[in-house]
């Protein structure tokens, strides 16, 4: 990544400046929060692609609708088991490559 004035050469440099170098506690916290955000977006996007409501998803996954809402808003992080139940309830699967 570069700008017109070439002061920024990479996004890693931006992250290093804002959150600290990789391996620092601040950077680890940023990484954790980023993964939590991505997980919430995967659930939200998949649900919308499946054209089902939060209530329908919750019923299929046998969890509370309010919990689905909190996951999608990023206020809670589901366990891996719950994440997989939600993904499966939408007819999707997780592939590790």
Protein backbone atom coordinates (compact mmCIF):
# COMPACT_ATOMS: atom_id res chain seq x y z
CA UNK A 1 0.00 0.00 0.00
CA UNK A 2 1.31 3.42 -0.79
CA UNK A 3 -0.01 6.95 -0.84
CA UNK A 4 0.65 9.82 -3.19
CA UNK A 5 3.31 11.12 -0.84
CA UNK A 6 4.72 7.61 -0.27
CA UNK A 7 4.83 8.04 3.52
CA UNK A 8 2.93 4.79 4.06
CA UNK A 9 4.57 1.81 2.42
CA UNK A 10 2.55 -1.05 3.91
CA UNK A 11 -0.51 -1.72 5.99
CA UNK A 12 1.67 -3.63 8.44
CA UNK A 13 3.49 -0.38 9.16
CA UNK A 14 0.16 1.30 9.89
CA UNK A 15 -0.80 -1.50 12.29
CA UNK A 16 2.64 -1.40 13.92
CA UNK A 17 2.32 2.32 14.51
CA UNK A 18 -1.24 2.23 15.82
CA UNK A 19 -1.29 -1.08 17.75
CA UNK A 20 2.36 -1.95 18.31
CA UNK A 21 4.63 -4.50 16.73
CA UNK A 22 3.49 -8.10 16.30
CA UNK A 23 3.87 -10.01 19.54
CA UNK A 24 3.13 -7.05 21.82
CA UNK A 25 0.11 -7.27 24.13
CA UNK A 26 -1.57 -4.37 22.33
CA UNK A 27 -1.18 -6.01 18.93
CA UNK A 28 -2.42 -9.37 20.25
CA UNK A 29 -5.52 -7.64 21.63
CA UNK A 30 -6.12 -5.96 18.26
CA UNK A 31 -5.76 -9.32 16.49
CA UNK A 32 -8.26 -10.95 18.86
CA UNK A 33 -10.78 -8.16 18.34
CA UNK A 34 -10.29 -8.36 14.58
CA UNK A 35 -11.00 -12.09 14.51
CA UNK A 36 -14.08 -11.56 16.67
CA UNK A 37 -15.33 -8.92 14.24
CA UNK A 38 -14.71 -11.20 11.25
CA UNK A 39 -16.62 -14.04 12.92
CA UNK A 40 -19.61 -11.77 13.51
CA UNK A 41 -19.54 -10.63 9.89
CA UNK A 42 -19.36 -14.22 8.61
CA UNK A 43 -22.51 -15.09 10.56
CA UNK A 44 -24.32 -11.91 9.48
CA UNK A 45 -23.41 -12.24 5.81
CA UNK A 46 -24.18 -15.95 5.69
CA UNK A 47 -27.57 -15.41 7.30
CA UNK A 48 -28.46 -12.72 4.81
CA UNK A 49 -27.31 -14.92 1.90
CA UNK A 50 -29.50 -17.72 3.27
CA UNK A 51 -32.39 -15.20 3.38
CA UNK A 52 -33.44 -16.14 6.87
CA UNK A 53 -34.19 -14.00 9.91
CA UNK A 54 -32.27 -14.05 13.15
CA UNK A 55 -35.24 -15.82 14.73
CA UNK A 56 -35.23 -18.53 12.04
CA UNK A 57 -31.49 -19.02 12.43
CA UNK A 58 -31.78 -19.20 16.20
CA UNK A 59 -34.51 -21.83 15.94
CA UNK A 60 -32.49 -23.93 13.50
CA UNK A 61 -29.39 -23.70 15.69
CA UNK A 62 -31.38 -24.15 18.91
CA UNK A 63 -30.13 -20.93 20.54
CA UNK A 64 -31.78 -17.68 21.63
CA UNK A 65 -32.56 -15.07 18.99
CA UNK A 66 -31.03 -12.40 21.23
CA UNK A 67 -27.77 -14.36 21.26
CA UNK A 68 -27.69 -14.39 17.45
CA UNK A 69 -28.25 -10.64 17.50
CA UNK A 70 -25.40 -10.08 19.97
CA UNK A 71 -23.08 -12.25 17.88
CA UNK A 72 -23.90 -10.30 14.72
CA UNK A 73 -23.35 -6.99 16.52
CA UNK A 74 -20.01 -8.27 17.78
CA UNK A 75 -20.86 -7.83 21.46
CA UNK A 76 -20.30 -11.53 22.23
CA UNK A 77 -18.00 -14.09 20.71
CA UNK A 78 -19.58 -17.50 20.16
CA UNK A 79 -17.76 -20.65 21.11
CA UNK A 80 -16.46 -22.71 18.23
CA UNK A 81 -19.29 -25.18 18.80
CA UNK A 82 -21.93 -22.45 18.56
CA UNK A 83 -20.24 -20.91 15.53
CA UNK A 84 -20.33 -24.27 13.76
CA UNK A 85 -23.97 -24.86 14.77
CA UNK A 86 -24.89 -21.50 13.24
CA UNK A 87 -22.94 -22.17 10.07
CA UNK A 88 -24.47 -25.64 9.72
CA UNK A 89 -27.97 -24.26 10.37
CA UNK A 90 -27.50 -22.07 7.30
CA UNK A 91 -26.46 -25.02 5.15
CA UNK A 92 -22.81 -23.97 5.11
CA UNK A 93 -19.70 -25.77 6.26
CA UNK A 94 -16.29 -24.83 7.50
CA UNK A 95 -13.37 -26.07 5.45
CA UNK A 96 -9.86 -26.02 6.82
CA UNK A 97 -7.27 -25.96 4.08
